[in-house]
Amino acid sequence: ETTELGDAVAAAERAIREHTTFQTVASTPPALLRPPVLVGRT
């Protein structure tokens, strides 16, 4: 069960890297849930 969660984290990270839609953990891509980059705040 813990390994499955680790795989889900890896899949989400891969989805963000590849800029692809992510469907396996949630209907909303993790990049939309929490954008990986904080923009406009330098």
PDB file of all heavy atoms in Angstrom:
ATOM      1  N   GLU A   1       0.820  -1.203   0.000  1.00  0.00           N
ATOM      2  CA  GLU A   1       0.000   0.000   0.000  1.00  0.00           C
ATOM      3  C   GLU A   1       0.863   1.267   0.000  1.00  0.00           C
ATOM      4  O   GLU A   1       0.538   2.250  -0.665  1.00  0.00           O
ATOM      5  CB  GLU A   1      -0.933   0.011   1.216  1.00  0.00           C
ATOM      6  CG  GLU A   1      -1.958  -1.101   1.229  1.00  0.00           C
ATOM      7  CD  GLU A   1      -1.423  -2.387   1.831  1.00  0.00           C
ATOM      8  OE1 GLU A   1      -0.198  -2.479   2.080  1.00  0.00           O
ATOM      9  OE2 GLU A   1      -2.237  -3.279   2.074  1.00  0.00           O
ATOM     10  N   THR A   2       1.969   1.212   0.759  1.00  0.00           N
ATOM     11  CA  THR A   2       2.878   2.363   0.795  1.00  0.00           C
ATOM     12  C   THR A   2       3.592   2.518  -0.539  1.00  0.00           C
ATOM     13  O   THR A   2       3.760   3.639  -1.045  1.00  0.00           O
ATOM     14  CB  THR A   2       3.907   2.186   1.918  1.00  0.00           C
ATOM     15  OG1 THR A   2       3.242   1.828   3.130  1.00  0.00           O
ATOM     16  CG2 THR A   2       4.704   3.459   2.138  1.00  0.00           C
ATOM     17  N   THR A   3       3.995   1.395  -1.130  1.00  0.00           N
ATOM     18  CA  THR A   3       4.674   1.426  -2.422  1.00  0.00           C
ATOM     19  C   THR A   3       3.773   1.999  -3.505  1.00  0.00           C
ATOM     20  O   THR A   3       4.226   2.745  -4.378  1.00  0.00           O
ATOM     21  CB  THR A   3       5.135   0.017  -2.805  1.00  0.00           C
ATOM     22  OG1 THR A   3       5.997  -0.504  -1.785  1.00  0.00           O
ATOM     23  CG2 THR A   3       5.897   0.032  -4.124  1.00  0.00           C
ATOM     24  N   GLU A   4       2.475   1.661  -3.436  1.00  0.00           N
ATOM     25  CA  GLU A   4       1.533   2.206  -4.418  1.00  0.00           C
ATOM     26  C   GLU A   4       1.467   3.730  -4.322  1.00  0.00           C
ATOM     27  O   GLU A   4       1.391   4.426  -5.336  1.00  0.00           O
ATOM     28  CB  GLU A   4       0.144   1.609  -4.190  1.00  0.00           C
ATOM     29  CG  GLU A   4       0.019   0.157  -4.627  1.00  0.00           C
ATOM     30  CD  GLU A   4      -1.373  -0.387  -4.376  1.00  0.00           C
ATOM     31  OE1 GLU A   4      -2.256   0.410  -3.972  1.00  0.00           O
ATOM     32  OE2 GLU A   4      -1.577  -1.592  -4.570  1.00  0.00           O
ATOM     33  N   LEU A   5       1.493   4.255  -3.084  1.00  0.00           N
ATOM     34  CA  LEU A   5       1.499   5.701  -2.912  1.00  0.00           C
ATOM     35  C   LEU A   5       2.782   6.302  -3.485  1.00  0.00           C
ATOM     36  O   LEU A   5       2.759   7.369  -4.109  1.00  0.00           O
ATOM     37  CB  LEU A   5       1.354   6.054  -1.430  1.00  0.00           C
ATOM     38  CG  LEU A   5      -0.037   5.866  -0.829  1.00  0.00           C
ATOM     39  CD1 LEU A   5       0.024   5.985   0.691  1.00  0.00           C
ATOM     40  CD2 LEU A   5      -1.008   6.887  -1.402  1.00  0.00           C
ATOM     41  N   GLY A   6       3.909   5.634  -3.239  1.00  0.00           N
ATOM     42  CA  GLY A   6       5.161   6.103  -3.810  1.00  0.00           C
ATOM     43  C   GLY A   6       5.125   6.128  -5.325  1.00  0.00           C
ATOM     44  O   GLY A   6       5.628   7.053  -5.971  1.00  0.00           O
ATOM     45  N   ASP A   7       4.485   5.090  -5.923  1.00  0.00           N
ATOM     46  CA  ASP A   7       4.344   5.057  -7.381  1.00  0.00           C
ATOM     47  C   ASP A   7       3.465   6.208  -7.872  1.00  0.00           C
ATOM     48  O   ASP A   7       3.705   6.788  -8.933  1.00  0.00           O
ATOM     49  CB  ASP A   7       3.738   3.718  -7.812  1.00  0.00           C
ATOM     50  CG  ASP A   7       4.688   2.546  -7.584  1.00  0.00           C
ATOM     51  OD1 ASP A   7       5.900   2.791  -7.418  1.00  0.00           O
ATOM     52  OD2 ASP A   7       4.203   1.394  -7.551  1.00  0.00           O
ATOM     53  N   ALA A   8       2.422   6.542  -7.085  1.00  0.00           N
ATOM     54  CA  ALA A   8       1.540   7.645  -7.461  1.00  0.00           C
ATOM     55  C   ALA A   8       2.286   8.971  -7.438  1.00  0.00           C
ATOM     56  O   ALA A   8       2.103   9.829  -8.312  1.00  0.00           O
ATOM     57  CB  ALA A   8       0.334   7.702  -6.516  1.00  0.00           C
ATOM     58  N   VAL A   9       3.143   9.150  -6.431  1.00  0.00           N
ATOM     59  CA  VAL A   9       3.962  10.368  -6.362  1.00  0.00           C
ATOM     60  C   VAL A   9       4.876  10.451  -7.579  1.00  0.00           C
ATOM     61  O   VAL A   9       4.994  11.502  -8.222  1.00  0.00           O
ATOM     62  CB  VAL A   9       4.790  10.389  -5.064  1.00  0.00           C
ATOM     63  CG1 VAL A   9       5.740  11.592  -5.071  1.00  0.00           C
ATOM     64  CG2 VAL A   9       3.884  10.451  -3.839  1.00  0.00           C
ATOM     65  N   ALA A  10       5.515   9.315  -7.909  1.00  0.00           N
ATOM     66  CA  ALA A  10       6.418   9.295  -9.057  1.00  0.00           C
ATOM     67  C   ALA A  10       5.667   9.599 -10.354  1.00  0.00           C
ATOM     68  O   ALA A  10       6.171  10.313 -11.222  1.00  0.00           O
ATOM     69  CB  ALA A  10       7.101   7.928  -9.144  1.00  0.00           C
ATOM     70  N   ALA A  11       4.441   9.054 -10.482  1.00  0.00           N
ATOM     71  CA  ALA A  11       3.661   9.309 -11.688  1.00  0.00           C
ATOM     72  C   ALA A  11       3.298  10.788 -11.807  1.00  0.00           C
ATOM     73  O   ALA A  11       3.337  11.373 -12.892  1.00  0.00           O
ATOM     74  CB  ALA A  11       2.393   8.455 -11.673  1.00  0.00           C
ATOM     75  N   ALA A  12       2.948  11.400 -10.676  1.00  0.00           N
ATOM     76  CA  ALA A  12       2.613  12.818 -10.696  1.00  0.00           C
ATOM     77  C   ALA A  12       3.828  13.662 -11.060  1.00  0.00           C
ATOM     78  O   ALA A  12       3.738  14.616 -11.843  1.00  0.00           O
ATOM     79  CB  ALA A  12       2.063  13.238  -9.336  1.00  0.00           C
ATOM     80  N   GLU A  13       4.972  13.308 -10.484  1.00  0.00           N
ATOM     81  CA  GLU A  13       6.205  14.044 -10.812  1.00  0.00           C
ATOM     82  C   GLU A  13       6.538  13.901 -12.294  1.00  0.00           C
ATOM     83  O   GLU A  13       6.956  14.864 -12.949  1.00  0.00           O
ATOM     84  CB  GLU A  13       7.357  13.514  -9.948  1.00  0.00           C
ATOM     85  CG  GLU A  13       7.202  13.822  -8.468  1.00  0.00           C
ATOM     86  CD  GLU A  13       8.207  13.077  -7.605  1.00  0.00           C
ATOM     87  OE1 GLU A  13       8.679  11.991  -8.033  1.00  0.00           O
ATOM     88  OE2 GLU A  13       8.506  13.551  -6.502  1.00  0.00           O
ATOM     89  N   ARG A  14       6.342  12.704 -12.816  1.00  0.00           N
ATOM     90  CA  ARG A  14       6.629  12.468 -14.230  1.00  0.00           C
ATOM     91  C   ARG A  14       5.672  13.261 -15.121  1.00  0.00           C
ATOM     92  O   ARG A  14       6.069  13.819 -16.144  1.00  0.00           O
ATOM     93  CB  ARG A  14       6.515  10.970 -14.516  1.00  0.00           C
ATOM     94  CG  ARG A  14       6.957  10.571 -15.925  1.00  0.00           C
ATOM     95  CD  ARG A  14       7.152   9.062 -16.035  1.00  0.00           C
ATOM     96  NE  ARG A  14       5.944   8.312 -15.669  1.00  0.00           N
ATOM     97  CZ  ARG A  14       5.812   7.619 -14.529  1.00  0.00           C
ATOM     98  NH1 ARG A  14       6.804   7.576 -13.656  1.00  0.00           N
ATOM     99  NH2 ARG A  14       4.703   6.965 -14.259  1.00  0.00           N
ATOM    100  N   ALA A  15       4.418  13.335 -14.695  1.00  0.00           N
ATOM    101  CA  ALA A  15       3.434  14.079 -15.482  1.00  0.00           C
ATOM    102  C   ALA A  15       3.793  15.555 -15.574  1.00  0.00           C
ATOM    103  O   ALA A  15       3.641  16.181 -16.627  1.00  0.00           O
ATOM    104  CB  ALA A  15       2.047  13.918 -14.856  1.00  0.00           C
ATOM    105  N   ILE A  16       4.271  16.104 -14.462  1.00  0.00           N
ATOM    106  CA  ILE A  16       4.660  17.513 -14.467  1.00  0.00           C
ATOM    107  C   ILE A  16       5.877  17.729 -15.363  1.00  0.00           C
ATOM    108  O   ILE A  16       5.937  18.678 -16.139  1.00  0.00           O
ATOM    109  CB  ILE A  16       4.942  17.986 -13.028  1.00  0.00           C
ATOM    110  CG1 ILE A  16       3.630  18.025 -12.240  1.00  0.00           C
ATOM    111  CG2 ILE A  16       5.606  19.353 -13.025  1.00  0.00           C
ATOM    112  CD1 ILE A  16       3.814  18.373 -10.789  1.00  0.00           C
ATOM    113  N   ARG A  17       6.847  16.807 -15.238  1.00  0.00           N
ATOM    114  CA  ARG A  17       8.053  16.948 -16.069  1.00  0.00           C
ATOM    115  C   ARG A  17       7.719  16.889 -17.550  1.00  0.00           C
ATOM    116  O   ARG A  17       8.281  17.598 -18.373  1.00  0.00           O
ATOM    117  CB  ARG A  17       9.061  15.855 -15.714  1.00  0.00           C
ATOM    118  CG  ARG A  17       9.767  16.057 -14.389  1.00  0.00           C
ATOM    119  CD  ARG A  17      10.995  15.160 -14.305  1.00  0.00           C
ATOM    120  NE  ARG A  17      10.652  13.753 -14.457  1.00  0.00           N
ATOM    121  CZ  ARG A  17      10.342  12.944 -13.434  1.00  0.00           C
ATOM    122  NH1 ARG A  17      10.308  13.425 -12.203  1.00  0.00           N
ATOM    123  NH2 ARG A  17      10.058  11.685 -13.652  1.00  0.00           N
ATOM    124  N   GLU A  18       6.794  16.024 -17.914  1.00  0.00           N
ATOM    125  CA  GLU A  18       6.488  15.800 -19.321  1.00  0.00           C
ATOM    126  C   GLU A  18       5.350  16.690 -19.813  1.00  0.00           C
ATOM    127  O   GLU A  18       4.964  16.629 -20.977  1.00  0.00           O
ATOM    128  CB  GLU A  18       6.117  14.327 -19.532  1.00  0.00           C
ATOM    129  CG  GLU A  18       7.267  13.372 -19.202  1.00  0.00           C
ATOM    130  CD  GLU A  18       6.833  11.915 -19.247  1.00  0.00           C
ATOM    131  OE1 GLU A  18       5.637  11.665 -19.485  1.00  0.00           O
ATOM    132  OE2 GLU A  18       7.691  11.034 -19.054  1.00  0.00           O
ATOM    133  N   HIS A  19       4.783  17.517 -18.892  1.00  0.00           N
ATOM    134  CA  HIS A  19       3.676  18.411 -19.260  1.00  0.00           C
ATOM    135  C   HIS A  19       2.515  17.641 -19.872  1.00  0.00           C
ATOM    136  O   HIS A  19       1.935  18.053 -20.877  1.00  0.00           O
ATOM    137  CB  HIS A  19       4.132  19.493 -20.238  1.00  0.00           C
ATOM    138  CG  HIS A  19       5.263  20.318 -19.718  1.00  0.00           C
ATOM    139  ND1 HIS A  19       5.240  20.921 -18.479  1.00  0.00           N
ATOM    140  CD2 HIS A  19       6.479  20.630 -20.258  1.00  0.00           C
ATOM    141  CE1 HIS A  19       6.368  21.575 -18.284  1.00  0.00           C
ATOM    142  NE2 HIS A  19       7.136  21.415 -19.331  1.00  0.00           N
ATOM    143  N   THR A  20       2.184  16.510 -19.264  1.00  0.00           N
ATOM    144  CA  THR A  20       1.070  15.723 -19.772  1.00  0.00           C
ATOM    145  C   THR A  20      -0.065  15.738 -18.769  1.00  0.00           C
ATOM    146  O   THR A  20       0.129  15.984 -17.592  1.00  0.00           O
ATOM    147  CB  THR A  20       1.487  14.263 -20.006  1.00  0.00           C
ATOM    148  OG1 THR A  20       1.964  13.714 -18.775  1.00  0.00           O
ATOM    149  CG2 THR A  20       2.557  14.173 -21.056  1.00  0.00           C
ATOM    150  N   THR A  21      -1.276  15.435 -19.256  1.00  0.00           N
ATOM    151  CA  THR A  21      -2.427  15.360 -18.372  1.00  0.00           C
ATOM    152  C   THR A  21      -2.285  14.143 -17.476  1.00  0.00           C
ATOM    153  O   THR A  21      -1.931  13.062 -17.918  1.00  0.00           O
ATOM    154  CB  THR A  21      -3.724  15.251 -19.195  1.00  0.00           C
ATOM    155  OG1 THR A  21      -3.793  16.390 -20.039  1.00  0.00           O
ATOM    156  CG2 THR A  21      -4.933  15.205 -18.280  1.00  0.00           C
ATOM    157  N   PHE A  22      -2.613  14.299 -16.224  1.00  0.00           N
ATOM    158  CA  PHE A  22      -2.407  13.246 -15.224  1.00  0.00           C
ATOM    159  C   PHE A  22      -3.760  12.748 -14.752  1.00  0.00           C
ATOM    160  O   PHE A  22      -4.573  13.523 -14.277  1.00  0.00           O
ATOM    161  CB  PHE A  22      -1.601  13.827 -14.054  1.00  0.00           C
ATOM    162  CG  PHE A  22      -1.337  12.853 -12.951  1.00  0.00           C
ATOM    163  CD1 PHE A  22      -0.530  11.766 -13.170  1.00  0.00           C
ATOM    164  CD2 PHE A  22      -1.915  13.034 -11.706  1.00  0.00           C
ATOM    165  CE1 PHE A  22      -0.288  10.880 -12.153  1.00  0.00           C
ATOM    166  CE2 PHE A  22      -1.671  12.153 -10.687  1.00  0.00           C
ATOM    167  CZ  PHE A  22      -0.853  11.061 -10.903  1.00  0.00           C
ATOM    168  N   GLN A  23      -4.046  11.457 -14.904  1.00  0.00           N
ATOM    169  CA  GLN A  23      -5.364  10.950 -14.604  1.00  0.00           C
ATOM    170  C   GLN A  23      -5.372   9.837 -13.560  1.00  0.00           C
ATOM    171  O   GLN A  23      -6.433   9.466 -13.079  1.00  0.00           O
ATOM    172  CB  GLN A  23      -6.000  10.373 -15.888  1.00  0.00           C
ATOM    173  CG  GLN A  23      -6.167  11.396 -17.005  1.00  0.00           C
ATOM    174  CD  GLN A  23      -7.222  12.429 -16.700  1.00  0.00           C
ATOM    175  OE1 GLN A  23      -7.998  12.273 -15.767  1.00  0.00           O
ATOM    176  NE2 GLN A  23      -7.244  13.509 -17.465  1.00  0.00           N
ATOM    177  N   THR A  24      -4.242   9.289 -13.167  1.00  0.00           N
ATOM    178  CA  THR A  24      -4.271   8.059 -12.371  1.00  0.00           C
ATOM    179  C   THR A  24      -4.557   8.289 -10.905  1.00  0.00           C
ATOM    180  O   THR A  24      -5.123   7.427 -10.256  1.00  0.00           O
ATOM    181  CB  THR A  24      -2.926   7.307 -12.505  1.00  0.00           C
ATOM    182  OG1 THR A  24      -1.882   8.192 -12.079  1.00  0.00           O
ATOM    183  CG2 THR A  24      -2.680   6.891 -13.933  1.00  0.00           C
ATOM    184  N   VAL A  25      -4.177   9.415 -10.342  1.00  0.00           N
ATOM    185  CA  VAL A  25      -4.411   9.662  -8.914  1.00  0.00           C
ATOM    186  C   VAL A  25      -5.634  10.532  -8.710  1.00  0.00           C
ATOM    187  O   VAL A  25      -6.433  10.320  -7.815  1.00  0.00           O
ATOM    188  CB  VAL A  25      -3.177  10.339  -8.276  1.00  0.00           C
ATOM    189  CG1 VAL A  25      -3.473  10.733  -6.844  1.00  0.00           C
ATOM    190  CG2 VAL A  25      -2.000   9.374  -8.309  1.00  0.00           C
ATOM    191  N   ALA A  26      -5.831  11.535  -9.537  1.00  0.00           N
ATOM    192  CA  ALA A  26      -6.975  12.434  -9.404  1.00  0.00           C
ATOM    193  C   ALA A  26      -7.313  12.973 -10.777  1.00  0.00           C
ATOM    194  O   ALA A  26      -6.504  12.932 -11.699  1.00  0.00           O
ATOM    195  CB  ALA A  26      -6.640  13.583  -8.442  1.00  0.00           C
ATOM    196  N   SER A  27      -8.536  13.473 -10.927  1.00  0.00           N
ATOM    197  CA  SER A  27      -8.951  13.983 -12.226  1.00  0.00           C
ATOM    198  C   SER A  27      -8.249  15.289 -12.572  1.00  0.00           C
ATOM    199  O   SER A  27      -8.132  15.641 -13.731  1.00  0.00           O
ATOM    200  CB  SER A  27     -10.467  14.188 -12.239  1.00  0.00           C
ATOM    201  OG  SER A  27     -10.838  15.099 -11.216  1.00  0.00           O
ATOM    202  N   THR A  28      -7.793  16.012 -11.558  1.00  0.00           N
ATOM    203  CA  THR A  28      -7.096  17.268 -11.786  1.00  0.00           C
ATOM    204  C   THR A  28      -5.592  17.047 -11.726  1.00  0.00           C
ATOM    205  O   THR A  28      -5.100  16.458 -10.767  1.00  0.00           O
ATOM    206  CB  THR A  28      -7.481  18.321 -10.734  1.00  0.00           C
ATOM    207  OG1 THR A  28      -8.896  18.498 -10.770  1.00  0.00           O
ATOM    208  CG2 THR A  28      -6.797  19.641 -11.010  1.00  0.00           C
ATOM    209  N   PRO A  29      -4.840  17.515 -12.716  1.00  0.00           N
ATOM    210  CA  PRO A  29      -3.382  17.331 -12.671  1.00  0.00           C
ATOM    211  C   PRO A  29      -2.775  17.986 -11.434  1.00  0.00           C
ATOM    212  O   PRO A  29      -3.192  19.089 -11.050  1.00  0.00           O
ATOM    213  CB  PRO A  29      -2.898  18.036 -13.948  1.00  0.00           C
ATOM    214  CG  PRO A  29      -4.098  18.093 -14.835  1.00  0.00           C
ATOM    215  CD  PRO A  29      -5.282  18.203 -13.922  1.00  0.00           C
ATOM    216  N   PRO A  30      -1.815  17.337 -10.786  1.00  0.00           N
ATOM    217  CA  PRO A  30      -1.159  17.955  -9.625  1.00  0.00           C
ATOM    218  C   PRO A  30      -0.570  19.320  -9.926  1.00  0.00           C
ATOM    219  O   PRO A  30      -0.516  20.172  -9.058  1.00  0.00           O
ATOM    220  CB  PRO A  30      -0.058  16.933  -9.275  1.00  0.00           C
ATOM    221  CG  PRO A  30      -0.588  15.634  -9.766  1.00  0.00           C
ATOM    222  CD  PRO A  30      -1.347  15.959 -11.024  1.00  0.00           C
ATOM    223  N   ALA A  31      -0.163  19.542 -11.184  1.00  0.00           N
ATOM    224  CA  ALA A  31       0.391  20.847 -11.546  1.00  0.00           C
ATOM    225  C   ALA A  31      -0.644  21.952 -11.393  1.00  0.00           C
ATOM    226  O   ALA A  31      -0.307  23.100 -11.119  1.00  0.00           O
ATOM    227  CB  ALA A  31       0.914  20.815 -12.981  1.00  0.00           C
ATOM    228  N   LEU A  32      -1.932  21.614 -11.578  1.00  0.00           N
ATOM    229  CA  LEU A  32      -2.986  22.598 -11.370  1.00  0.00           C
ATOM    230  C   LEU A  32      -3.347  22.725  -9.894  1.00  0.00           C
ATOM    231  O   LEU A  32      -3.767  23.781  -9.435  1.00  0.00           O
ATOM    232  CB  LEU A  32      -4.236  22.226 -12.165  1.00  0.00           C
ATOM    233  CG  LEU A  32      -4.248  22.597 -13.645  1.00  0.00           C
ATOM    234  CD1 LEU A  32      -5.545  22.144 -14.290  1.00  0.00           C
ATOM    235  CD2 LEU A  32      -4.070  24.089 -13.835  1.00  0.00           C
ATOM    236  N   LEU A  33      -3.203  21.620  -9.148  1.00  0.00           N
ATOM    237  CA  LEU A  33      -3.481  21.676  -7.720  1.00  0.00           C
ATOM    238  C   LEU A  33      -2.468  22.549  -7.005  1.00  0.00           C
ATOM    239  O   LEU A  33      -2.810  23.319  -6.105  1.00  0.00           O
ATOM    240  CB  LEU A  33      -3.462  20.269  -7.120  1.00  0.00           C
ATOM    241  CG  LEU A  33      -4.585  19.333  -7.581  1.00  0.00           C
ATOM    242  CD1 LEU A  33      -4.335  17.937  -7.046  1.00  0.00           C
ATOM    243  CD2 LEU A  33      -5.933  19.854  -7.105  1.00  0.00           C
ATOM    244  N   ARG A  34      -1.215  22.406  -7.389  1.00  0.00           N
ATOM    245  CA  ARG A  34      -0.147  23.211  -6.788  1.00  0.00           C
ATOM    246  C   ARG A  34       0.921  23.435  -7.839  1.00  0.00           C
ATOM    247  O   ARG A  34       1.790  22.577  -8.039  1.00  0.00           O
ATOM    248  CB  ARG A  34       0.447  22.496  -5.567  1.00  0.00           C
ATOM    249  CG  ARG A  34       1.524  23.310  -4.847  1.00  0.00           C
ATOM    250  CD  ARG A  34       2.056  22.558  -3.630  1.00  0.00           C
ATOM    251  NE  ARG A  34       3.165  23.251  -3.007  1.00  0.00           N
ATOM    252  CZ  ARG A  34       3.063  24.213  -2.114  1.00  0.00           C
ATOM    253  NH1 ARG A  34       1.879  24.612  -1.742  1.00  0.00           N
ATOM    254  NH2 ARG A  34       4.123  24.780  -1.584  1.00  0.00           N
ATOM    255  N   PRO A  35       0.879  24.557  -8.545  1.00  0.00           N
ATOM    256  CA  PRO A  35       1.873  24.801  -9.592  1.00  0.00           C
ATOM    257  C   PRO A  35       3.286  24.658  -9.065  1.00  0.00           C
ATOM    258  O   PRO A  35       3.601  25.135  -7.970  1.00  0.00           O
ATOM    259  CB  PRO A  35       1.580  26.253 -10.011  1.00  0.00           C
ATOM    260  CG  PRO A  35       0.143  26.454  -9.666  1.00  0.00           C
ATOM    261  CD  PRO A  35      -0.083  25.653  -8.418  1.00  0.00           C
ATOM    262  N   PRO A  36       4.146  23.984  -9.831  1.00  0.00           N
ATOM    263  CA  PRO A  36       5.506  23.732  -9.352  1.00  0.00           C
ATOM    264  C   PRO A  36       6.382  24.977  -9.290  1.00  0.00           C
ATOM    265  O   PRO A  36       7.422  24.969  -8.650  1.00  0.00           O
ATOM    266  CB  PRO A  36       6.061  22.727 -10.371  1.00  0.00           C
ATOM    267  CG  PRO A  36       5.258  22.982 -11.613  1.00  0.00           C
ATOM    268  CD  PRO A  36       3.887  23.373 -11.149  1.00  0.00           C
ATOM    269  N   VAL A  37       5.964  26.036  -9.956  1.00  0.00           N
ATOM    270  CA  VAL A  37       6.773  27.264 -10.005  1.00  0.00           C
ATOM    271  C   VAL A  37       5.951  28.425  -9.445  1.00  0.00           C
ATOM    272  O   VAL A  37       4.786  28.592  -9.784  1.00  0.00           O
ATOM    273  CB  VAL A  37       7.219  27.576 -11.450  1.00  0.00           C
ATOM    274  CG1 VAL A  37       7.988  28.883 -11.502  1.00  0.00           C
ATOM    275  CG2 VAL A  37       8.066  26.440 -12.002  1.00  0.00           C
ATOM    276  N   LEU A  38       6.572  29.213  -8.582  1.00  0.00           N
ATOM    277  CA  LEU A  38       5.926  30.413  -8.051  1.00  0.00           C
ATOM    278  C   LEU A  38       6.282  31.574  -8.979  1.00  0.00           C
ATOM    279  O   LEU A  38       7.424  32.027  -9.008  1.00  0.00           O
ATOM    280  CB  LEU A  38       6.433  30.677  -6.635  1.00  0.00           C
ATOM    281  CG  LEU A  38       5.624  31.628  -5.756  1.00  0.00           C
ATOM    282  CD1 LEU A  38       4.246  31.044  -5.482  1.00  0.00           C
ATOM    283  CD2 LEU A  38       6.344  31.871  -4.443  1.00  0.00           C
ATOM    284  N   VAL A  39       5.304  32.036  -9.741  1.00  0.00           N
ATOM    285  CA  VAL A  39       5.598  33.032 -10.777  1.00  0.00           C
ATOM    286  C   VAL A  39       5.207  34.428 -10.304  1.00  0.00           C
ATOM    287  O   VAL A  39       4.345  34.607  -9.454  1.00  0.00           O
ATOM    288  CB  VAL A  39       4.849  32.703 -12.088  1.00  0.00           C
ATOM    289  CG1 VAL A  39       5.265  31.368 -12.630  1.00  0.00           C
ATOM    290  CG2 VAL A  39       3.335  32.740 -11.863  1.00  0.00           C
ATOM    291  N   GLY A  40       5.869  35.417 -10.891  1.00  0.00           N
ATOM    292  CA  GLY A  40       5.511  36.807 -10.642  1.00  0.00           C
ATOM    293  C   GLY A  40       5.830  37.301  -9.242  1.00  0.00           C
ATOM    294  O   GLY A  40       5.354  38.368  -8.848  1.00  0.00           O
ATOM    295  N   ARG A  41       6.635  36.591  -8.483  1.00  0.00           N
ATOM    296  CA  ARG A  41       6.903  36.975  -7.097  1.00  0.00           C
ATOM    297  C   ARG A  41       8.396  37.078  -6.797  1.00  0.00           C
ATOM    298  O   ARG A  41       8.798  37.062  -5.642  1.00  0.00           O
ATOM    299  CB  ARG A  41       6.284  35.946  -6.138  1.00  0.00           C
ATOM    300  CG  ARG A  41       4.777  35.740  -6.285  1.00  0.00           C
ATOM    301  CD  ARG A  41       4.021  37.034  -6.107  1.00  0.00           C
ATOM    302  NE  ARG A  41       2.584  36.868  -6.031  1.00  0.00           N
ATOM    303  CZ  ARG A  41       1.709  37.788  -6.386  1.00  0.00           C
ATOM    304  NH1 ARG A  41       2.134  38.952  -6.871  1.00  0.00           N
ATOM    305  NH2 ARG A  41       0.403  37.572  -6.272  1.00  0.00           N
ATOM    306  N   THR A  42       9.209  37.224  -7.833  1.00  0.00           N
ATOM    307  CA  THR A  42      10.659  37.290  -7.623  1.00  0.00           C
ATOM    308  C   THR A  42      11.047  38.472  -6.746  1.00  0.00           C
ATOM    309  O   THR A  42      11.837  38.339  -5.802  1.00  0.00           O
ATOM    310  CB  THR A  42      11.382  37.394  -8.980  1.00  0.00           C
ATOM    311  OG1 THR A  42      11.004  36.289  -9.799  1.00  0.00           O
ATOM    312  CG2 THR A  42      12.888  37.380  -8.781  1.00  0.00           C
TER     313      THR A  42
END
